[in-house]
Every structure is written in structure tokens, then in C-alpha cells.
PDB file of N, CA and C in Angstrom:
ATOM      1  N   MET A   1     -51.926 -31.139 -38.405  1.00  0.00           N
ATOM      2  CA  MET A   1     -52.106 -31.302 -39.746  1.00  0.00           C
ATOM      3  C   MET A   1     -52.652 -30.110 -40.699  1.00  0.00           C
ATOM      4  N   ARG A   2     -53.754 -29.784 -39.773  1.00  0.00           N
ATOM      5  CA  ARG A   2     -54.860 -28.386 -40.643  1.00  0.00           C
ATOM      6  C   ARG A   2     -54.096 -27.480 -40.103  1.00  0.00           C
ATOM      7  N   LEU A   3     -52.903 -27.149 -39.241  1.00  0.00           N
ATOM      8  CA  LEU A   3     -52.531 -25.719 -39.078  1.00  0.00           C
ATOM      9  C   LEU A   3     -51.605 -25.664 -40.593  1.00  0.00           C
ATOM     10  N   THR A   4     -50.445 -26.602 -41.031  1.00  0.00           N
ATOM     11  CA  THR A   4     -49.843 -26.535 -41.819  1.00  0.00           C
ATOM     12  C   THR A   4     -50.168 -25.840 -43.320  1.00  0.00           C
ATOM     13  N   VAL A   5     -51.593 -26.943 -43.093  1.00  0.00           N
ATOM     14  CA  VAL A   5     -52.488 -26.640 -44.600  1.00  0.00           C
ATOM     15  C   VAL A   5     -52.876 -25.455 -44.466  1.00  0.00           C
ATOM     16  N   ALA A   6     -53.454 -25.208 -43.330  1.00  0.00           N
ATOM     17  CA  ALA A   6     -53.858 -23.516 -43.101  1.00  0.00           C
ATOM     18  C   ALA A   6     -52.342 -22.009 -43.780  1.00  0.00           C
ATOM     19  N   ILE A   7     -51.880 -22.654 -43.155  1.00  0.00           N
ATOM     20  CA  ILE A   7     -50.461 -21.905 -43.281  1.00  0.00           C
ATOM     21  C   ILE A   7     -50.148 -22.021 -44.449  1.00  0.00           C
ATOM     22  N   ALA A   8     -50.116 -23.023 -45.314  1.00  0.00           N
ATOM     23  CA  ALA A   8     -49.208 -23.177 -46.684  1.00  0.00           C
ATOM     24  C   ALA A   8     -50.555 -22.464 -47.990  1.00  0.00           C
ATOM     25  N   ALA A   9     -51.502 -22.539 -47.352  1.00  0.00           N
ATOM     26  CA  ALA A   9     -52.597 -21.838 -48.003  1.00  0.00           C
ATOM     27  C   ALA A   9     -52.347 -20.540 -47.992  1.00  0.00           C
ATOM     28  N   LEU A  10     -52.724 -20.262 -46.838  1.00  0.00           N
ATOM     29  CA  LEU A  10     -51.971 -18.736 -46.728  1.00  0.00           C
ATOM     30  C   LEU A  10     -50.541 -17.964 -47.321  1.00  0.00           C
ATOM     31  N   ALA A  11     -49.577 -18.984 -47.224  1.00  0.00           N
ATOM     32  CA  ALA A  11     -48.386 -18.375 -47.913  1.00  0.00           C
ATOM     33  C   ALA A  11     -48.465 -18.074 -49.539  1.00  0.00           C
ATOM     34  N   LEU A  12     -49.151 -19.502 -49.990  1.00  0.00           N
ATOM     35  CA  LEU A  12     -49.551 -19.214 -51.769  1.00  0.00           C
ATOM     36  C   LEU A  12     -50.614 -18.204 -51.656  1.00  0.00           C
ATOM     37  N   THR A  13     -51.436 -18.157 -51.144  1.00  0.00           N
ATOM     38  CA  THR A  13     -52.614 -16.689 -51.465  1.00  0.00           C
ATOM     39  C   THR A  13     -51.821 -15.529 -51.137  1.00  0.00           C
ATOM     40  N   GLY A  14     -50.858 -14.983 -50.612  1.00  0.00           N
ATOM     41  CA  GLY A  14     -50.314 -13.877 -50.299  1.00  0.00           C
ATOM     42  C   GLY A  14     -49.170 -13.981 -51.395  1.00  0.00           C
ATOM     43  N   CYS A  15     -48.996 -14.718 -52.231  1.00  0.00           N
ATOM     44  CA  CYS A  15     -48.031 -14.388 -53.559  1.00  0.00           C
ATOM     45  C   CYS A  15     -49.190 -14.048 -54.397  1.00  0.00           C
ATOM     46  N   ALA A  16     -49.831 -15.085 -54.675  1.00  0.00           N
ATOM     47  CA  ALA A  16     -50.824 -14.953 -55.815  1.00  0.00           C
ATOM     48  C   ALA A  16     -51.846 -13.552 -55.727  1.00  0.00           C
ATOM     49  N   ALA A  17     -52.109 -13.197 -54.669  1.00  0.00           N
ATOM     50  CA  ALA A  17     -53.212 -12.061 -54.622  1.00  0.00           C
ATOM     51  C   ALA A  17     -52.645 -10.524 -54.247  1.00  0.00           C
ATOM     52  N   SER A  18     -51.303 -10.627 -54.569  1.00  0.00           N
ATOM     53  CA  SER A  18     -51.256  -8.830 -54.525  1.00  0.00           C
ATOM     54  C   SER A  18     -50.537  -8.739 -55.868  1.00  0.00           C
ATOM     55  N   PRO A  19     -50.458  -7.371 -56.476  1.00  0.00           N
ATOM     56  CA  PRO A  19     -49.529  -7.129 -57.642  1.00  0.00           C
ATOM     57  C   PRO A  19     -48.750  -7.619 -57.667  1.00  0.00           C
ATOM     58  N   ALA A  20     -47.797  -7.410 -56.643  1.00  0.00           N
ATOM     59  CA  ALA A  20     -46.120  -7.601 -56.335  1.00  0.00           C
ATOM     60  C   ALA A  20     -46.418  -9.403 -56.922  1.00  0.00           C
ATOM     61  N   GLY A  21     -47.083 -10.259 -56.821  1.00  0.00           N
ATOM     62  CA  GLY A  21     -46.985 -11.421 -57.071  1.00  0.00           C
ATOM     63  C   GLY A  21     -46.921 -11.810 -58.300  1.00  0.00           C
ATOM     64  N   LEU A  22     -47.978 -11.008 -59.087  1.00  0.00           N
ATOM     65  CA  LEU A  22     -47.809 -10.878 -60.678  1.00  0.00           C
ATOM     66  C   LEU A  22     -46.460 -10.034 -60.988  1.00  0.00           C
ATOM     67  N   GLY A  23     -45.191  -9.762 -60.261  1.00  0.00           N
ATOM     68  CA  GLY A  23     -44.397  -8.621 -60.912  1.00  0.00           C
ATOM     69  C   GLY A  23     -42.959  -9.406 -61.183  1.00  0.00           C
ATOM     70  N   LYS A  24     -43.552 -10.673 -61.549  1.00  0.00           N
ATOM     71  CA  LYS A  24     -42.340 -11.257 -62.048  1.00  0.00           C
ATOM     72  C   LYS A  24     -41.678 -10.755 -63.567  1.00  0.00           C
ATOM     73  N   ASP A  25     -40.495 -11.314 -63.950  1.00  0.00           N
ATOM     74  CA  ASP A  25     -40.099 -10.268 -64.983  1.00  0.00           C
ATOM     75  C   ASP A  25     -40.252 -11.146 -66.455  1.00  0.00           C
ATOM     76  N   GLU A  26     -40.634 -12.203 -65.928  1.00  0.00           N
ATOM     77  CA  GLU A  26     -41.145 -12.934 -67.379  1.00  0.00           C
ATOM     78  C   GLU A  26     -42.645 -12.573 -67.901  1.00  0.00           C
ATOM     79  N   ILE A  27     -42.927 -11.918 -69.137  1.00  0.00           N
ATOM     80  CA  ILE A  27     -43.750 -11.726 -69.828  1.00  0.00           C
ATOM     81  C   ILE A  27     -44.392 -12.784 -70.857  1.00  0.00           C
ATOM     82  N   ASP A  28     -45.527 -12.915 -70.562  1.00  0.00           N
ATOM     83  CA  ASP A  28     -46.373 -14.204 -71.153  1.00  0.00           C
ATOM     84  C   ASP A  28     -47.018 -13.780 -72.732  1.00  0.00           C
ATOM     85  N   MET A  29     -47.007 -12.331 -72.747  1.00  0.00           N
ATOM     86  CA  MET A  29     -47.705 -11.982 -74.394  1.00  0.00           C
ATOM     87  C   MET A  29     -47.032 -10.631 -74.278  1.00  0.00           C
ATOM     88  N   THR A  30     -47.069 -10.161 -75.187  1.00  0.00           N
ATOM     89  CA  THR A  30     -46.469  -8.778 -75.662  1.00  0.00           C
ATOM     90  C   THR A  30     -47.350  -8.283 -77.178  1.00  0.00           C
ATOM     91  N   LEU A  31     -47.978  -7.188 -77.110  1.00  0.00           N
ATOM     92  CA  LEU A  31     -48.849  -6.972 -77.950  1.00  0.00           C
ATOM     93  C   LEU A  31     -48.482  -5.249 -78.149  1.00  0.00           C
ATOM     94  N   VAL A  32     -48.955  -4.497 -79.267  1.00  0.00           N
ATOM     95  CA  VAL A  32     -48.230  -3.397 -79.355  1.00  0.00           C
ATOM     96  C   VAL A  32     -49.670  -2.548 -79.909  1.00  0.00           C
ATOM     97  N   SER A  33     -50.039  -1.246 -79.807  1.00  0.00           N
ATOM     98  CA  SER A  33     -51.039  -0.745 -80.470  1.00  0.00           C
ATOM     99  C   SER A  33     -50.689   0.952 -80.911  1.00  0.00           C
ATOM    100  N   PRO A  34     -51.051   1.568 -81.833  1.00  0.00           N
ATOM    101  CA  PRO A  34     -51.038   2.861 -82.060  1.00  0.00           C
ATOM    102  C   PRO A  34     -51.595   3.814 -81.389  1.00  0.00           C
ATOM    103  N   LYS A  35     -52.263   3.296 -80.790  1.00  0.00           N
ATOM    104  CA  LYS A  35     -53.321   3.941 -79.420  1.00  0.00           C
ATOM    105  C   LYS A  35     -52.156   4.533 -78.069  1.00  0.00           C
ATOM    106  N   LYS A  36     -52.740   5.613 -77.835  1.00  0.00           N
ATOM    107  CA  LYS A  36     -52.136   6.512 -76.525  1.00  0.00           C
ATOM    108  C   LYS A  36     -52.525   5.189 -75.530  1.00  0.00           C
ATOM    109  N   PRO A  37     -51.114   5.059 -74.639  1.00  0.00           N
ATOM    110  CA  PRO A  37     -51.295   3.868 -73.005  1.00  0.00           C
ATOM    111  C   PRO A  37     -52.823   4.626 -72.298  1.00  0.00           C
ATOM    112  N   ASP A  38     -53.174   5.765 -72.118  1.00  0.00           N
ATOM    113  CA  ASP A  38     -54.372   6.016 -71.551  1.00  0.00           C
ATOM    114  C   ASP A  38     -55.409   5.547 -71.982  1.00  0.00           C
ATOM    115  N   VAL A  39     -55.654   5.486 -73.225  1.00  0.00           N
ATOM    116  CA  VAL A  39     -56.610   5.186 -74.159  1.00  0.00           C
ATOM    117  C   VAL A  39     -57.211   3.676 -73.571  1.00  0.00           C
ATOM    118  N   VAL A  40     -55.933   3.257 -73.860  1.00  0.00           N
ATOM    119  CA  VAL A  40     -55.973   1.650 -74.477  1.00  0.00           C
ATOM    120  C   VAL A  40     -56.060   1.314 -72.842  1.00  0.00           C
ATOM    121  N   ALA A  41     -55.383   1.855 -71.909  1.00  0.00           N
ATOM    122  CA  ALA A  41     -55.564   0.937 -70.555  1.00  0.00           C
ATOM    123  C   ALA A  41     -57.301   1.051 -70.083  1.00  0.00           C
ATOM    124  N   GLY A  42     -57.386   2.507 -70.184  1.00  0.00           N
ATOM    125  CA  GLY A  42     -58.820   2.623 -69.668  1.00  0.00           C
ATOM    126  C   GLY A  42     -60.128   1.594 -70.485  1.00  0.00           C
ATOM    127  N   CYS A  43     -59.740   1.726 -71.531  1.00  0.00           N
ATOM    128  CA  CYS A  43     -60.872   0.234 -72.725  1.00  0.00           C
ATOM    129  C   CYS A  43     -60.282  -0.939 -71.981  1.00  0.00           C
ATOM    130  N   ILE A  44     -59.183  -1.314 -71.504  1.00  0.00           N
ATOM    131  CA  ILE A  44     -59.024  -2.366 -70.866  1.00  0.00           C
ATOM    132  C   ILE A  44     -59.914  -2.660 -69.558  1.00  0.00           C
ATOM    133  N   ALA A  45     -59.401  -1.873 -68.805  1.00  0.00           N
ATOM    134  CA  ALA A  45     -60.152  -1.601 -67.595  1.00  0.00           C
ATOM    135  C   ALA A  45     -61.686  -1.856 -67.827  1.00  0.00           C
ATOM    136  N   LEU A  46     -62.073  -1.231 -68.406  1.00  0.00           N
ATOM    137  CA  LEU A  46     -63.745  -1.363 -68.772  1.00  0.00           C
ATOM    138  C   LEU A  46     -63.765  -2.790 -68.992  1.00  0.00           C
ATOM    139  N   SER A  47     -63.115  -3.296 -69.896  1.00  0.00           N
ATOM    140  CA  SER A  47     -63.513  -4.816 -70.829  1.00  0.00           C
ATOM    141  C   SER A  47     -63.162  -5.445 -69.912  1.00  0.00           C
ATOM    142  N   LEU A  48     -62.135  -5.531 -68.616  1.00  0.00           N
ATOM    143  CA  LEU A  48     -61.690  -6.549 -67.856  1.00  0.00           C
ATOM    144  C   LEU A  48     -62.783  -6.786 -66.515  1.00  0.00           C
ATOM    145  N   GLN A  49     -62.668  -5.224 -66.146  1.00  0.00           N
ATOM    146  CA  GLN A  49     -63.182  -5.192 -64.751  1.00  0.00           C
ATOM    147  C   GLN A  49     -64.527  -4.164 -64.304  1.00  0.00           C
ATOM    148  N   GLY A  50     -64.936  -3.780 -65.240  1.00  0.00           N
ATOM    149  CA  GLY A  50     -66.127  -3.110 -65.807  1.00  0.00           C
ATOM    150  C   GLY A  50     -65.691  -1.832 -64.657  1.00  0.00           C
ATOM    151  N   ASP A  51     -66.124  -1.063 -63.873  1.00  0.00           N
ATOM    152  CA  ASP A  51     -65.857   0.283 -63.507  1.00  0.00           C
ATOM    153  C   ASP A  51     -64.821   0.497 -62.433  1.00  0.00           C
ATOM    154  N   ASN A  52     -63.562  -0.374 -62.527  1.00  0.00           N
ATOM    155  CA  ASN A  52     -62.419  -0.150 -61.783  1.00  0.00           C
ATOM    156  C   ASN A  52     -61.536   0.504 -62.855  1.00  0.00           C
ATOM    157  N   PRO A  53     -60.892   1.322 -62.429  1.00  0.00           N
ATOM    158  CA  PRO A  53     -59.548   2.169 -62.822  1.00  0.00           C
ATOM    159  C   PRO A  53     -58.403   1.669 -63.283  1.00  0.00           C
ATOM    160  N   ALA A  54     -58.215   1.803 -64.123  1.00  0.00           N
ATOM    161  CA  ALA A  54     -56.635   1.132 -64.485  1.00  0.00           C
ATOM    162  C   ALA A  54     -55.984   2.083 -62.935  1.00  0.00           C
ATOM    163  N   ILE A  55     -54.418   1.683 -62.946  1.00  0.00           N
ATOM    164  CA  ILE A  55     -53.882   1.935 -62.133  1.00  0.00           C
ATOM    165  C   ILE A  55     -52.784   2.975 -62.923  1.00  0.00           C
ATOM    166  N   ARG A  56     -52.427   4.359 -61.937  1.00  0.00           N
ATOM    167  CA  ARG A  56     -51.284   4.870 -63.513  1.00  0.00           C
ATOM    168  C   ARG A  56     -50.415   4.577 -62.535  1.00  0.00           C
ATOM    169  N   ALA A  57     -49.201   4.051 -63.162  1.00  0.00           N
ATOM    170  CA  ALA A  57     -47.776   4.132 -62.801  1.00  0.00           C
ATOM    171  C   ALA A  57     -46.653   5.329 -62.372  1.00  0.00           C
ATOM    172  N   ASP A  58     -46.841   5.840 -64.150  1.00  0.00           N
ATOM    173  CA  ASP A  58     -46.464   7.135 -64.117  1.00  0.00           C
ATOM    174  C   ASP A  58     -47.188   7.758 -65.569  1.00  0.00           C
ATOM    175  N   GLU A  59     -46.672   8.613 -66.344  1.00  0.00           N
ATOM    176  CA  GLU A  59     -47.482   9.301 -67.354  1.00  0.00           C
ATOM    177  C   GLU A  59     -47.819   8.773 -68.450  1.00  0.00           C
ATOM    178  N   ASN A  60     -46.231   7.278 -68.493  1.00  0.00           N
ATOM    179  CA  ASN A  60     -46.203   6.988 -69.457  1.00  0.00           C
ATOM    180  C   ASN A  60     -46.713   5.049 -69.197  1.00  0.00           C
ATOM    181  N   HIS A  61     -47.087   4.875 -68.344  1.00  0.00           N
ATOM    182  CA  HIS A  61     -46.830   3.190 -67.836  1.00  0.00           C
ATOM    183  C   HIS A  61     -48.447   3.079 -66.868  1.00  0.00           C
ATOM    184  N   TYR A  62     -49.454   2.374 -67.031  1.00  0.00           N
ATOM    185  CA  TYR A  62     -50.649   1.998 -66.579  1.00  0.00           C
ATOM    186  C   TYR A  62     -50.645   0.306 -66.308  1.00  0.00           C
ATOM    187  N   VAL A  63     -51.229   0.340 -65.224  1.00  0.00           N
ATOM    188  CA  VAL A  63     -51.332  -1.278 -65.079  1.00  0.00           C
ATOM    189  C   VAL A  63     -53.026  -1.465 -64.995  1.00  0.00           C
ATOM    190  N   VAL A  64     -52.892  -2.949 -65.631  1.00  0.00           N
ATOM    191  CA  VAL A  64     -54.510  -3.012 -65.292  1.00  0.00           C
ATOM    192  C   VAL A  64     -54.770  -4.336 -64.591  1.00  0.00           C
ATOM    193  N   VAL A  65     -55.191  -5.341 -63.637  1.00  0.00           N
ATOM    194  CA  VAL A  65     -55.060  -5.994 -62.872  1.00  0.00           C
ATOM    195  C   VAL A  65     -56.832  -6.883 -63.019  1.00  0.00           C
ATOM    196  N   ARG A  66     -56.584  -7.858 -63.351  1.00  0.00           N
ATOM    197  CA  ARG A  66     -57.949  -8.826 -63.509  1.00  0.00           C
ATOM    198  C   ARG A  66     -57.975  -9.682 -62.057  1.00  0.00           C
ATOM    199  N   LYS A  67     -58.902  -9.760 -61.648  1.00  0.00           N
ATOM    200  CA  LYS A  67     -58.881 -10.375 -60.176  1.00  0.00           C
ATOM    201  C   LYS A  67     -59.808 -11.504 -60.586  1.00  0.00           C
ATOM    202  N   ASN A  68     -59.852 -12.983 -59.625  1.00  0.00           N
ATOM    203  CA  ASN A  68     -60.502 -14.052 -59.825  1.00  0.00           C
ATOM    204  C   ASN A  68     -61.736 -13.774 -58.683  1.00  0.00           C
ATOM    205  N   GLY A  69     -62.664 -14.674 -58.639  1.00  0.00           N
ATOM    206  CA  GLY A  69     -63.778 -14.669 -57.986  1.00  0.00           C
ATOM    207  C   GLY A  69     -63.896 -14.669 -56.467  1.00  0.00           C
ATOM    208  N   PHE A  70     -62.358 -14.684 -56.106  1.00  0.00           N
ATOM    209  CA  PHE A  70     -62.331 -14.321 -54.879  1.00  0.00           C
ATOM    210  C   PHE A  70     -61.504 -13.147 -54.533  1.00  0.00           C
ATOM    211  N   GLY A  71     -61.323 -12.218 -55.447  1.00  0.00           N
ATOM    212  CA  GLY A  71     -60.515 -10.900 -55.558  1.00  0.00           C
ATOM    213  C   GLY A  71     -59.433 -10.717 -55.211  1.00  0.00           C
ATOM    214  N   ALA A  72     -58.234 -12.469 -55.639  1.00  0.00           N
ATOM    215  CA  ALA A  72     -57.107 -11.972 -55.719  1.00  0.00           C
ATOM    216  C   ALA A  72     -57.040 -11.820 -57.167  1.00  0.00           C
ATOM    217  N   PRO A  73     -55.641 -10.845 -57.362  1.00  0.00           N
ATOM    218  CA  PRO A  73     -55.269 -10.382 -58.571  1.00  0.00           C
ATOM    219  C   PRO A  73     -54.797 -11.782 -59.113  1.00  0.00           C
ATOM    220  N   VAL A  74     -54.907 -12.192 -60.661  1.00  0.00           N
ATOM    221  CA  VAL A  74     -54.503 -13.277 -61.469  1.00  0.00           C
ATOM    222  C   VAL A  74     -53.734 -12.827 -62.393  1.00  0.00           C
ATOM    223  N   ILE A  75     -54.269 -11.742 -63.506  1.00  0.00           N
ATOM    224  CA  ILE A  75     -54.035 -11.171 -64.462  1.00  0.00           C
ATOM    225  C   ILE A  75     -53.292  -9.853 -64.306  1.00  0.00           C
ATOM    226  N   ARG A  76     -52.116  -9.773 -65.037  1.00  0.00           N
ATOM    227  CA  ARG A  76     -51.896  -8.186 -65.014  1.00  0.00           C
ATOM    228  C   ARG A  76     -51.353  -7.596 -66.588  1.00  0.00           C
ATOM    229  N   TRP A  77     -51.818  -6.821 -66.917  1.00  0.00           N
ATOM    230  CA  TRP A  77     -51.555  -5.992 -68.090  1.00  0.00           C
ATOM    231  C   TRP A  77     -50.768  -4.731 -67.773  1.00  0.00           C
ATOM    232  N   ASP A  78     -49.797  -4.942 -68.132  1.00  0.00           N
ATOM    233  CA  ASP A  78     -49.020  -3.375 -68.314  1.00  0.00           C
ATOM    234  C   ASP A  78     -49.082  -3.091 -69.735  1.00  0.00           C
ATOM    235  N   ILE A  79     -49.535  -1.309 -69.493  1.00  0.00           N
ATOM    236  CA  ILE A  79     -49.883  -0.691 -70.509  1.00  0.00           C
ATOM    237  C   ILE A  79     -48.504   0.334 -70.626  1.00  0.00           C
ATOM    238  N   ILE A  80     -47.602   0.569 -71.363  1.00  0.00           N
ATOM    239  CA  ILE A  80     -46.663   1.448 -71.234  1.00  0.00           C
ATOM    240  C   ILE A  80     -46.156   2.260 -72.788  1.00  0.00           C
ATOM    241  N   GLY A  81     -46.268   3.313 -72.798  1.00  0.00           N
ATOM    242  CA  GLY A  81     -46.259   4.155 -73.644  1.00  0.00           C
ATOM    243  C   GLY A  81     -45.118   4.042 -74.452  1.00  0.00           C
ATOM    244  N   THR A  82     -45.128   4.195 -76.005  1.00  0.00           N
ATOM    245  CA  THR A  82     -43.616   4.377 -77.055  1.00  0.00           C
ATOM    246  C   THR A  82     -43.949   5.446 -77.639  1.00  0.00           C
ATOM    247  N   ASP A  83     -43.124   5.554 -78.542  1.00  0.00           N
ATOM    248  CA  ASP A  83     -42.743   6.536 -79.755  1.00  0.00           C
ATOM    249  C   ASP A  83     -44.284   6.453 -80.436  1.00  0.00           C
ATOM    250  N   THR A  84     -44.402   5.308 -80.457  1.00  0.00           N
ATOM    251  CA  THR A  84     -45.650   4.987 -81.944  1.00  0.00           C
ATOM    252  C   THR A  84     -47.042   4.625 -81.346  1.00  0.00           C
ATOM    253  N   GLY A  85     -47.477   4.575 -79.596  1.00  0.00           N
ATOM    254  CA  GLY A  85     -48.505   4.181 -79.452  1.00  0.00           C
ATOM    255  C   GLY A  85     -48.305   3.700 -77.752  1.00  0.00           C
ATOM    256  N   SER A  86     -48.381   2.688 -78.057  1.00  0.00           N
ATOM    257  CA  SER A  86     -48.089   1.643 -76.719  1.00  0.00           C
ATOM    258  C   SER A  86     -47.824   0.138 -76.894  1.00  0.00           C
ATOM    259  N   ARG A  87     -47.113  -0.296 -76.048  1.00  0.00           N
ATOM    260  CA  ARG A  87     -46.863  -1.899 -75.953  1.00  0.00           C
ATOM    261  C   ARG A  87     -47.731  -1.890 -74.340  1.00  0.00           C
ATOM    262  N   LEU A  88     -48.205  -3.393 -74.832  1.00  0.00           N
ATOM    263  CA  LEU A  88     -48.884  -4.489 -73.878  1.00  0.00           C
ATOM    264  C   LEU A  88     -48.211  -5.362 -73.808  1.00  0.00           C
ATOM    265  N   GLU A  89     -47.936  -5.488 -72.098  1.00  0.00           N
ATOM    266  CA  GLU A  89     -47.008  -6.802 -71.893  1.00  0.00           C
ATOM    267  C   GLU A  89     -48.181  -7.461 -70.510  1.00  0.00           C
ATOM    268  N   LEU A  90     -48.396  -8.494 -70.968  1.00  0.00           N
ATOM    269  CA  LEU A  90     -49.026  -9.960 -70.193  1.00  0.00           C
ATOM    270  C   LEU A  90     -48.284 -10.217 -69.093  1.00  0.00           C
ATOM    271  N   ARG A  91     -48.750 -10.731 -67.733  1.00  0.00           N
ATOM    272  CA  ARG A  91     -48.065 -11.031 -66.633  1.00  0.00           C
ATOM    273  C   ARG A  91     -48.971 -12.042 -66.136  1.00  0.00           C
ATOM    274  N   SER A  92     -48.983 -13.272 -66.314  1.00  0.00           N
ATOM    275  CA  SER A  92     -50.160 -14.148 -65.330  1.00  0.00           C
ATOM    276  C   SER A  92     -49.950 -15.098 -64.837  1.00  0.00           C
ATOM    277  N   SER A  93     -50.450 -15.425 -63.648  1.00  0.00           N
ATOM    278  CA  SER A  93     -49.872 -16.633 -62.951  1.00  0.00           C
ATOM    279  C   SER A  93     -51.320 -17.583 -63.032  1.00  0.00           C
ATOM    280  N   LEU A  94     -52.076 -17.365 -64.304  1.00  0.00           N
ATOM    281  CA  LEU A  94     -52.869 -18.381 -64.357  1.00  0.00           C
ATOM    282  C   LEU A  94     -52.387 -18.905 -65.933  1.00  0.00           C
ATOM    283  N   PRO A  95     -52.831 -20.094 -66.530  1.00  0.00           N
ATOM    284  CA  PRO A  95     -52.469 -20.209 -67.727  1.00  0.00           C
ATOM    285  C   PRO A  95     -53.872 -19.685 -68.617  1.00  0.00           C
ATOM    286  N   VAL A  96     -54.972 -19.530 -68.358  1.00  0.00           N
ATOM    287  CA  VAL A  96     -55.586 -19.418 -69.047  1.00  0.00           C
ATOM    288  C   VAL A  96     -56.682 -18.247 -68.476  1.00  0.00           C
ATOM    289  N   GLY A  97     -57.488 -17.723 -69.305  1.00  0.00           N
ATOM    290  CA  GLY A  97     -58.709 -16.514 -69.028  1.00  0.00           C
ATOM    291  C   GLY A  97     -57.703 -15.142 -68.426  1.00  0.00           C
ATOM    292  N   SER A  98     -56.840 -14.799 -69.373  1.00  0.00           N
ATOM    293  CA  SER A  98     -55.950 -13.373 -69.408  1.00  0.00           C
ATOM    294  C   SER A  98     -56.758 -12.205 -69.999  1.00  0.00           C
ATOM    295  N   GLY A  99     -57.648 -12.903 -70.837  1.00  0.00           N
ATOM    296  CA  GLY A  99     -58.620 -11.649 -71.481  1.00  0.00           C
ATOM    297  C   GLY A  99     -58.175 -11.368 -72.738  1.00  0.00           C
ATOM    298  N   SER A 100     -57.142 -11.563 -73.319  1.00  0.00           N
ATOM    299  CA  SER A 100     -56.264 -11.619 -74.205  1.00  0.00           C
ATOM    300  C   SER A 100     -57.220 -11.227 -75.935  1.00  0.00           C
ATOM    301  N   ASP A 101     -58.543 -11.775 -75.563  1.00  0.00           N
ATOM    302  CA  ASP A 101     -59.685 -11.292 -76.585  1.00  0.00           C
ATOM    303  C   ASP A 101     -59.772 -10.072 -76.446  1.00  0.00           C
ATOM    304  N   LYS A 102     -60.738  -9.498 -75.058  1.00  0.00           N
ATOM    305  CA  LYS A 102     -61.091  -8.642 -74.959  1.00  0.00           C
ATOM    306  C   LYS A 102     -59.532  -7.089 -75.144  1.00  0.00           C
ATOM    307  N   VAL A 103     -58.759  -7.650 -74.878  1.00  0.00           N
ATOM    308  CA  VAL A 103     -57.448  -6.644 -75.024  1.00  0.00           C
ATOM    309  C   VAL A 103     -57.659  -6.201 -76.442  1.00  0.00           C
ATOM    310  N   LYS A 104     -57.176  -7.476 -77.177  1.00  0.00           N
ATOM    311  CA  LYS A 104     -56.639  -7.334 -78.710  1.00  0.00           C
ATOM    312  C   LYS A 104     -57.607  -6.476 -79.171  1.00  0.00           C
ATOM    313  N   ALA A 105     -59.362  -6.370 -78.252  1.00  0.00           N
ATOM    314  CA  ALA A 105     -60.654  -5.271 -79.138  1.00  0.00           C
ATOM    315  C   ALA A 105     -60.395  -3.912 -78.735  1.00  0.00           C
ATOM    316  N   CYS A 106     -59.281  -3.758 -77.758  1.00  0.00           N
ATOM    317  CA  CYS A 106     -58.959  -2.117 -77.498  1.00  0.00           C
ATOM    318  C   CYS A 106     -57.901  -1.814 -78.332  1.00  0.00           C
ATOM    319  N   LEU A 107     -56.947  -2.818 -79.005  1.00  0.00           N
ATOM    320  CA  LEU A 107     -55.957  -2.193 -79.864  1.00  0.00           C
ATOM    321  C   LEU A 107     -56.420  -1.354 -80.866  1.00  0.00           C
TER     322      LEU A 107
END
């Protein structure tokens, strides 16, 4: 019984503990900003994580991941450059704690 619980816990943790676990297609929230994506991503990274940098996927796409108290990623913000600034997409494995108030302050 303990082995079954341990295996199930590891399987679930693996899904939520990697940015790929937050790689779902469904977007929980979309915001827009007139600022460039690198500026917005830097502000969000400092607001949500402290000194951990945003991950640069390419020159117009940044990813900021928010971790829980155990270090497992639970929130992912994609900051994508557009012709008029940036589009921000939230993907979350939790219904609360997205940090959207802090993100909105960076817009």
C-alpha cells in the first residue's frame, strides 16, 4: 500500500514539477502591455521570484515560472512580443496564487 501511494505521489509530482507540466494549451488568463517583452519579463521575474531570471525562449518569447514552497513550478507566465508591445499568457496548475496582481503592476 505504501509503495502504491509513493509511486502515485511521484507520478503526480513529476507532472507538476516541470515547466512541461504547465505546458498545456489552455490559457487561464491573457493580458496585454505596450511594453517590450524583455522589460515585462524582467519586472515579473523580480516581482514573483526575487532574483531568479526569466527564461528566454527566443528573442520575442520569455517564460517566468513561479514555484511553490517545495520548489515545484505551479504557475507559468509566457510573455510574447507583438507589434504593439507584449501579450502575456498565464498557465496554472492551481486555481489560486497566480500573482496576477503583481503581473498587472508590471504592465
